[in-house]
PDB file of N, CA and C in Angstrom:
ATOM      1  N   MET A   1     -10.664 -12.899   1.441  1.00  0.00           N
ATOM      2  CA  MET A   1     -11.932 -12.894   2.123  1.00  0.00           C
ATOM      3  C   MET A   1     -11.946 -11.793   3.185  1.00  0.00           C
ATOM      4  N   LYS A   2     -12.974 -10.986   3.181  1.00  0.00           N
ATOM      5  CA  LYS A   2     -13.098  -9.894   4.152  1.00  0.00           C
ATOM      6  C   LYS A   2     -13.550 -10.439   5.505  1.00  0.00           C
ATOM      7  N   ALA A   3     -13.051  -9.812   6.561  1.00  0.00           N
ATOM      8  CA  ALA A   3     -13.426 -10.193   7.919  1.00  0.00           C
ATOM      9  C   ALA A   3     -13.629  -8.931   8.742  1.00  0.00           C
ATOM     10  N   ARG A   4     -14.595  -8.962   9.623  1.00  0.00           N
ATOM     11  CA  ARG A   4     -14.850  -7.861  10.555  1.00  0.00           C
ATOM     12  C   ARG A   4     -14.123  -8.197  11.848  1.00  0.00           C
ATOM     13  N   PHE A   5     -13.347  -7.235  12.367  1.00  0.00           N
ATOM     14  CA  PHE A   5     -12.586  -7.488  13.585  1.00  0.00           C
ATOM     15  C   PHE A   5     -12.802  -6.379  14.598  1.00  0.00           C
ATOM     16  N   GLU A   6     -12.516  -6.716  15.851  1.00  0.00           N
ATOM     17  CA  GLU A   6     -12.478  -5.735  16.930  1.00  0.00           C
ATOM     18  C   GLU A   6     -11.587  -6.306  18.018  1.00  0.00           C
ATOM     19  N   GLY A   7     -11.013  -5.423  18.802  1.00  0.00           N
ATOM     20  CA  GLY A   7     -10.166  -5.891  19.874  1.00  0.00           C
ATOM     21  C   GLY A   7      -9.331  -4.796  20.482  1.00  0.00           C
ATOM     22  N   VAL A   8      -8.359  -5.235  21.278  1.00  0.00           N
ATOM     23  CA  VAL A   8      -7.465  -4.347  21.996  1.00  0.00           C
ATOM     24  C   VAL A   8      -6.039  -4.627  21.550  1.00  0.00           C
ATOM     25  N   ILE A   9      -5.286  -3.572  21.281  1.00  0.00           N
ATOM     26  CA  ILE A   9      -3.887  -3.716  20.885  1.00  0.00           C
ATOM     27  C   ILE A   9      -3.078  -4.192  22.089  1.00  0.00           C
ATOM     28  N   VAL A  10      -2.324  -5.289  21.902  1.00  0.00           N
ATOM     29  CA  VAL A  10      -1.506  -5.814  22.991  1.00  0.00           C
ATOM     30  C   VAL A  10      -0.011  -5.619  22.765  1.00  0.00           C
ATOM     31  N   SER A  11       0.419  -5.446  21.505  1.00  0.00           N
ATOM     32  CA  SER A  11       1.835  -5.163  21.253  1.00  0.00           C
ATOM     33  C   SER A  11       2.031  -4.743  19.800  1.00  0.00           C
ATOM     34  N   PHE A  12       3.228  -4.234  19.538  1.00  0.00           N
ATOM     35  CA  PHE A  12       3.622  -3.794  18.200  1.00  0.00           C
ATOM     36  C   PHE A  12       4.923  -4.484  17.817  1.00  0.00           C
ATOM     37  N   ASP A  13       5.068  -4.825  16.527  1.00  0.00           N
ATOM     38  CA  ASP A  13       6.345  -5.303  16.010  1.00  0.00           C
ATOM     39  C   ASP A  13       7.152  -4.091  15.558  1.00  0.00           C
ATOM     40  N   ALA A  14       8.313  -4.348  15.002  1.00  0.00           N
ATOM     41  CA  ALA A  14       9.179  -3.278  14.509  1.00  0.00           C
ATOM     42  C   ALA A  14       8.459  -2.447  13.453  1.00  0.00           C
ATOM     43  N   PRO A  15       8.758  -1.151  13.390  1.00  0.00           N
ATOM     44  CA  PRO A  15       8.081  -0.267  12.427  1.00  0.00           C
ATOM     45  C   PRO A  15       8.161  -0.734  10.977  1.00  0.00           C
ATOM     46  N   ASP A  16       9.240  -1.411  10.585  1.00  0.00           N
ATOM     47  CA  ASP A  16       9.362  -1.831   9.186  1.00  0.00           C
ATOM     48  C   ASP A  16       8.379  -2.952   8.819  1.00  0.00           C
ATOM     49  N   THR A  17       7.865  -3.686   9.823  1.00  0.00           N
ATOM     50  CA  THR A  17       6.889  -4.744   9.531  1.00  0.00           C
ATOM     51  C   THR A  17       5.454  -4.248   9.645  1.00  0.00           C
ATOM     52  N   ARG A  18       5.229  -3.202  10.455  1.00  0.00           N
ATOM     53  CA  ARG A  18       3.908  -2.600  10.683  1.00  0.00           C
ATOM     54  C   ARG A  18       2.880  -3.651  11.070  1.00  0.00           C
ATOM     55  N   ARG A  19       3.283  -4.543  11.989  1.00  0.00           N
ATOM     56  CA  ARG A  19       2.402  -5.588  12.502  1.00  0.00           C
ATOM     57  C   ARG A  19       1.935  -5.203  13.897  1.00  0.00           C
ATOM     58  N   VAL A  20       0.625  -5.287  14.104  1.00  0.00           N
ATOM     59  CA  VAL A  20       0.013  -4.960  15.381  1.00  0.00           C
ATOM     60  C   VAL A  20      -0.638  -6.233  15.908  1.00  0.00           C
ATOM     61  N   HIS A  21      -0.343  -6.599  17.153  1.00  0.00           N
ATOM     62  CA  HIS A  21      -0.929  -7.790  17.760  1.00  0.00           C
ATOM     63  C   HIS A  21      -2.180  -7.375  18.518  1.00  0.00           C
ATOM     64  N   VAL A  22      -3.277  -8.078  18.242  1.00  0.00           N
ATOM     65  CA  VAL A  22      -4.581  -7.699  18.778  1.00  0.00           C
ATOM     66  C   VAL A  22      -5.228  -8.909  19.449  1.00  0.00           C
ATOM     67  N   TYR A  23      -5.896  -8.652  20.576  1.00  0.00           N
ATOM     68  CA  TYR A  23      -6.696  -9.670  21.241  1.00  0.00           C
ATOM     69  C   TYR A  23      -8.134  -9.204  21.188  1.00  0.00           C
ATOM     70  N   GLY A  24      -9.024 -10.010  20.617  1.00  0.00           N
ATOM     71  CA  GLY A  24     -10.410  -9.599  20.499  1.00  0.00           C
ATOM     72  C   GLY A  24     -11.233 -10.636  19.782  1.00  0.00           C
ATOM     73  N   SER A  25     -11.869 -10.232  18.668  1.00  0.00           N
ATOM     74  CA  SER A  25     -12.682 -11.178  17.911  1.00  0.00           C
ATOM     75  C   SER A  25     -12.611 -10.857  16.419  1.00  0.00           C
ATOM     76  N   VAL A  26     -12.823 -11.918  15.646  1.00  0.00           N
ATOM     77  CA  VAL A  26     -12.895 -11.803  14.192  1.00  0.00           C
ATOM     78  C   VAL A  26     -14.192 -12.479  13.765  1.00  0.00           C
ATOM     79  N   ASP A  27     -15.026 -11.732  13.089  1.00  0.00           N
ATOM     80  CA  ASP A  27     -16.344 -12.223  12.668  1.00  0.00           C
ATOM     81  C   ASP A  27     -17.119 -12.818  13.849  1.00  0.00           C
ATOM     82  N   GLY A  28     -17.005 -12.172  15.009  1.00  0.00           N
ATOM     83  CA  GLY A  28     -17.765 -12.576  16.184  1.00  0.00           C
ATOM     84  C   GLY A  28     -17.175 -13.715  16.988  1.00  0.00           C
ATOM     85  N   GLU A  29     -16.069 -14.285  16.545  1.00  0.00           N
ATOM     86  CA  GLU A  29     -15.419 -15.387  17.255  1.00  0.00           C
ATOM     87  C   GLU A  29     -14.189 -14.872  17.994  1.00  0.00           C
ATOM     88  N   PRO A  30     -13.989 -15.262  19.272  1.00  0.00           N
ATOM     89  CA  PRO A  30     -12.804 -14.821  20.014  1.00  0.00           C
ATOM     90  C   PRO A  30     -11.525 -15.187  19.257  1.00  0.00           C
ATOM     91  N   ALA A  31     -10.551 -14.263  19.257  1.00  0.00           N
ATOM     92  CA  ALA A  31      -9.320 -14.517  18.498  1.00  0.00           C
ATOM     93  C   ALA A  31      -8.181 -13.627  18.969  1.00  0.00           C
ATOM     94  N   GLU A  32      -6.982 -14.149  18.819  1.00  0.00           N
ATOM     95  CA  GLU A  32      -5.757 -13.352  18.896  1.00  0.00           C
ATOM     96  C   GLU A  32      -5.248 -13.327  17.471  1.00  0.00           C
ATOM     97  N   PHE A  33      -4.869 -12.137  16.993  1.00  0.00           N
ATOM     98  CA  PHE A  33      -4.464 -12.052  15.595  1.00  0.00           C
ATOM     99  C   PHE A  33      -3.453 -10.942  15.377  1.00  0.00           C
ATOM    100  N   ILE A  34      -2.821 -11.028  14.215  1.00  0.00           N
ATOM    101  CA  ILE A  34      -1.867 -10.016  13.777  1.00  0.00           C
ATOM    102  C   ILE A  34      -2.575  -9.172  12.726  1.00  0.00           C
ATOM    103  N   LEU A  35      -2.482  -7.876  12.881  1.00  0.00           N
ATOM    104  CA  LEU A  35      -3.094  -6.951  11.941  1.00  0.00           C
ATOM    105  C   LEU A  35      -1.988  -6.205  11.203  1.00  0.00           C
ATOM    106  N   LEU A  36      -1.958  -6.325   9.881  1.00  0.00           N
ATOM    107  CA  LEU A  36      -1.005  -5.603   9.052  1.00  0.00           C
ATOM    108  C   LEU A  36      -1.652  -4.292   8.634  1.00  0.00           C
ATOM    109  N   VAL A  37      -0.943  -3.188   8.856  1.00  0.00           N
ATOM    110  CA  VAL A  37      -1.521  -1.869   8.575  1.00  0.00           C
ATOM    111  C   VAL A  37      -0.564  -1.018   7.754  1.00  0.00           C
ATOM    112  N   SER A  38      -1.082   0.066   7.202  1.00  0.00           N
ATOM    113  CA  SER A  38      -0.255   1.009   6.454  1.00  0.00           C
ATOM    114  C   SER A  38       0.680   1.743   7.415  1.00  0.00           C
ATOM    115  N   GLU A  39       1.684   2.382   6.866  1.00  0.00           N
ATOM    116  CA  GLU A  39       2.620   3.141   7.696  1.00  0.00           C
ATOM    117  C   GLU A  39       1.892   4.251   8.451  1.00  0.00           C
ATOM    118  N   GLU A  40       0.980   4.922   7.775  1.00  0.00           N
ATOM    119  CA  GLU A  40       0.223   6.009   8.411  1.00  0.00           C
ATOM    120  C   GLU A  40      -0.606   5.485   9.585  1.00  0.00           C
ATOM    121  N   LYS A  41      -1.300   4.362   9.382  1.00  0.00           N
ATOM    122  CA  LYS A  41      -2.128   3.776  10.436  1.00  0.00           C
ATOM    123  C   LYS A  41      -1.256   3.271  11.579  1.00  0.00           C
ATOM    124  N   TYR A  42      -0.111   2.668  11.250  1.00  0.00           N
ATOM    125  CA  TYR A  42       0.812   2.168  12.281  1.00  0.00           C
ATOM    126  C   TYR A  42       1.258   3.317  13.181  1.00  0.00           C
ATOM    127  N   ASN A  43       1.646   4.434  12.576  1.00  0.00           N
ATOM    128  CA  ASN A  43       2.097   5.588  13.351  1.00  0.00           C
ATOM    129  C   ASN A  43       0.977   6.133  14.239  1.00  0.00           C
ATOM    130  N   GLU A  44      -0.243   6.144  13.720  1.00  0.00           N
ATOM    131  CA  GLU A  44      -1.399   6.592  14.506  1.00  0.00           C
ATOM    132  C   GLU A  44      -1.622   5.672  15.710  1.00  0.00           C
ATOM    133  N   LEU A  45      -1.555   4.361  15.475  1.00  0.00           N
ATOM    134  CA  LEU A  45      -1.773   3.408  16.560  1.00  0.00           C
ATOM    135  C   LEU A  45      -0.658   3.460  17.597  1.00  0.00           C
ATOM    136  N   ILE A  46       0.575   3.672  17.160  1.00  0.00           N
ATOM    137  CA  ILE A  46       1.706   3.809  18.093  1.00  0.00           C
ATOM    138  C   ILE A  46       1.460   4.994  19.018  1.00  0.00           C
ATOM    139  N   ARG A  47       0.979   6.101  18.460  1.00  0.00           N
ATOM    140  CA  ARG A  47       0.696   7.286  19.283  1.00  0.00           C
ATOM    141  C   ARG A  47      -0.389   6.988  20.320  1.00  0.00           C
ATOM    142  N   LEU A  48      -1.391   6.199  19.939  1.00  0.00           N
ATOM    143  CA  LEU A  48      -2.480   5.870  20.856  1.00  0.00           C
ATOM    144  C   LEU A  48      -2.035   4.870  21.924  1.00  0.00           C
ATOM    145  N   GLY A  49      -1.165   3.932  21.545  1.00  0.00           N
ATOM    146  CA  GLY A  49      -0.538   3.026  22.499  1.00  0.00           C
ATOM    147  C   GLY A  49      -1.247   1.704  22.730  1.00  0.00           C
ATOM    148  N   ILE A  50      -0.576   0.861  23.512  1.00  0.00           N
ATOM    149  CA  ILE A  50      -1.090  -0.446  23.892  1.00  0.00           C
ATOM    150  C   ILE A  50      -2.344  -0.244  24.741  1.00  0.00           C
ATOM    151  N   GLY A  51      -3.309  -1.134  24.570  1.00  0.00           N
ATOM    152  CA  GLY A  51      -4.561  -1.047  25.300  1.00  0.00           C
ATOM    153  C   GLY A  51      -5.644  -0.311  24.545  1.00  0.00           C
ATOM    154  N   GLN A  52      -5.288   0.273  23.415  1.00  0.00           N
ATOM    155  CA  GLN A  52      -6.254   1.011  22.596  1.00  0.00           C
ATOM    156  C   GLN A  52      -7.192   0.034  21.897  1.00  0.00           C
ATOM    157  N   ARG A  53      -8.457   0.344  21.881  1.00  0.00           N
ATOM    158  CA  ARG A  53      -9.453  -0.465  21.175  1.00  0.00           C
ATOM    159  C   ARG A  53      -9.409  -0.115  19.687  1.00  0.00           C
ATOM    160  N   ILE A  54      -9.513  -1.158  18.864  1.00  0.00           N
ATOM    161  CA  ILE A  54      -9.487  -0.979  17.411  1.00  0.00           C
ATOM    162  C   ILE A  54     -10.546  -1.891  16.800  1.00  0.00           C
ATOM    163  N   GLU A  55     -11.157  -1.431  15.729  1.00  0.00           N
ATOM    164  CA  GLU A  55     -12.124  -2.263  15.010  1.00  0.00           C
ATOM    165  C   GLU A  55     -12.161  -1.844  13.554  1.00  0.00           C
ATOM    166  N   GLY A  56     -12.648  -2.739  12.721  1.00  0.00           N
ATOM    167  CA  GLY A  56     -12.748  -2.425  11.310  1.00  0.00           C
ATOM    168  C   GLY A  56     -12.940  -3.657  10.468  1.00  0.00           C
ATOM    169  N   GLU A  57     -12.632  -3.513   9.195  1.00  0.00           N
ATOM    170  CA  GLU A  57     -12.744  -4.604   8.241  1.00  0.00           C
ATOM    171  C   GLU A  57     -11.392  -4.800   7.585  1.00  0.00           C
ATOM    172  N   ALA A  58     -11.020  -6.056   7.373  1.00  0.00           N
ATOM    173  CA  ALA A  58      -9.715  -6.361   6.795  1.00  0.00           C
ATOM    174  C   ALA A  58      -9.816  -7.638   5.963  1.00  0.00           C
ATOM    175  N   THR A  59      -8.789  -7.882   5.190  1.00  0.00           N
ATOM    176  CA  THR A  59      -8.698  -9.091   4.380  1.00  0.00           C
ATOM    177  C   THR A  59      -7.911 -10.140   5.146  1.00  0.00           C
ATOM    178  N   LYS A  60      -8.432 -11.359   5.189  1.00  0.00           N
ATOM    179  CA  LYS A  60      -7.733 -12.456   5.867  1.00  0.00           C
ATOM    180  C   LYS A  60      -6.590 -12.926   4.976  1.00  0.00           C
ATOM    181  N   VAL A  61      -5.375 -12.897   5.525  1.00  0.00           N
ATOM    182  CA  VAL A  61      -4.179 -13.288   4.789  1.00  0.00           C
ATOM    183  C   VAL A  61      -3.793 -14.726   5.120  1.00  0.00           C
ATOM    184  N   SER A  62      -3.989 -15.109   6.387  1.00  0.00           N
ATOM    185  CA  SER A  62      -3.565 -16.425   6.858  1.00  0.00           C
ATOM    186  C   SER A  62      -4.462 -16.866   8.009  1.00  0.00           C
ATOM    187  N   ASP A  63      -4.648 -18.189   8.134  1.00  0.00           N
ATOM    188  CA  ASP A  63      -5.425 -18.738   9.239  1.00  0.00           C
ATOM    189  C   ASP A  63      -4.554 -19.173  10.408  1.00  0.00           C
ATOM    190  N   SER A  64      -3.325 -19.597  10.131  1.00  0.00           N
ATOM    191  CA  SER A  64      -2.454 -20.086  11.209  1.00  0.00           C
ATOM    192  C   SER A  64      -1.020 -19.643  10.959  1.00  0.00           C
ATOM    193  N   PRO A  65      -0.568 -18.581  11.597  1.00  0.00           N
ATOM    194  CA  PRO A  65      -1.302 -17.748  12.547  1.00  0.00           C
ATOM    195  C   PRO A  65      -2.340 -16.893  11.825  1.00  0.00           C
ATOM    196  N   LEU A  66      -3.328 -16.437  12.586  1.00  0.00           N
ATOM    197  CA  LEU A  66      -4.367 -15.596  12.014  1.00  0.00           C
ATOM    198  C   LEU A  66      -3.796 -14.216  11.727  1.00  0.00           C
ATOM    199  N   VAL A  67      -3.784 -13.853  10.445  1.00  0.00           N
ATOM    200  CA  VAL A  67      -3.247 -12.565  10.015  1.00  0.00           C
ATOM    201  C   VAL A  67      -4.294 -11.874   9.143  1.00  0.00           C
ATOM    202  N   LEU A  68      -4.564 -10.607   9.495  1.00  0.00           N
ATOM    203  CA  LEU A  68      -5.479  -9.772   8.717  1.00  0.00           C
ATOM    204  C   LEU A  68      -4.726  -8.566   8.188  1.00  0.00           C
ATOM    205  N   LYS A  69      -5.151  -8.077   7.035  1.00  0.00           N
ATOM    206  CA  LYS A  69      -4.523  -6.909   6.443  1.00  0.00           C
ATOM    207  C   LYS A  69      -5.579  -5.843   6.190  1.00  0.00           C
ATOM    208  N   MET A  70      -5.380  -4.667   6.798  1.00  0.00           N
ATOM    209  CA  MET A  70      -6.294  -3.556   6.559  1.00  0.00           C
ATOM    210  C   MET A  70      -6.017  -2.974   5.192  1.00  0.00           C
ATOM    211  N   ASP A  71      -7.073  -2.716   4.438  1.00  0.00           N
ATOM    212  CA  ASP A  71      -6.938  -2.147   3.102  1.00  0.00           C
ATOM    213  C   ASP A  71      -6.757  -0.649   3.161  1.00  0.00           C
TER     214      ASP A  71
END
């Protein structure tokens, strides 16, 4: 299921997992979630750093914990 998200990056996991922790909203509802991204996107976000605003569309992988995967 596709979900629209927006938020601020609060932390990063190890590069091999490419997990980004985000605080913001998913489909208009407040949420803290994990965003799974490609290696290229992970490297881009690392360069931008914590506190960077991010938004887009992703596939919901899990509800608890809330995990989204960018296509």
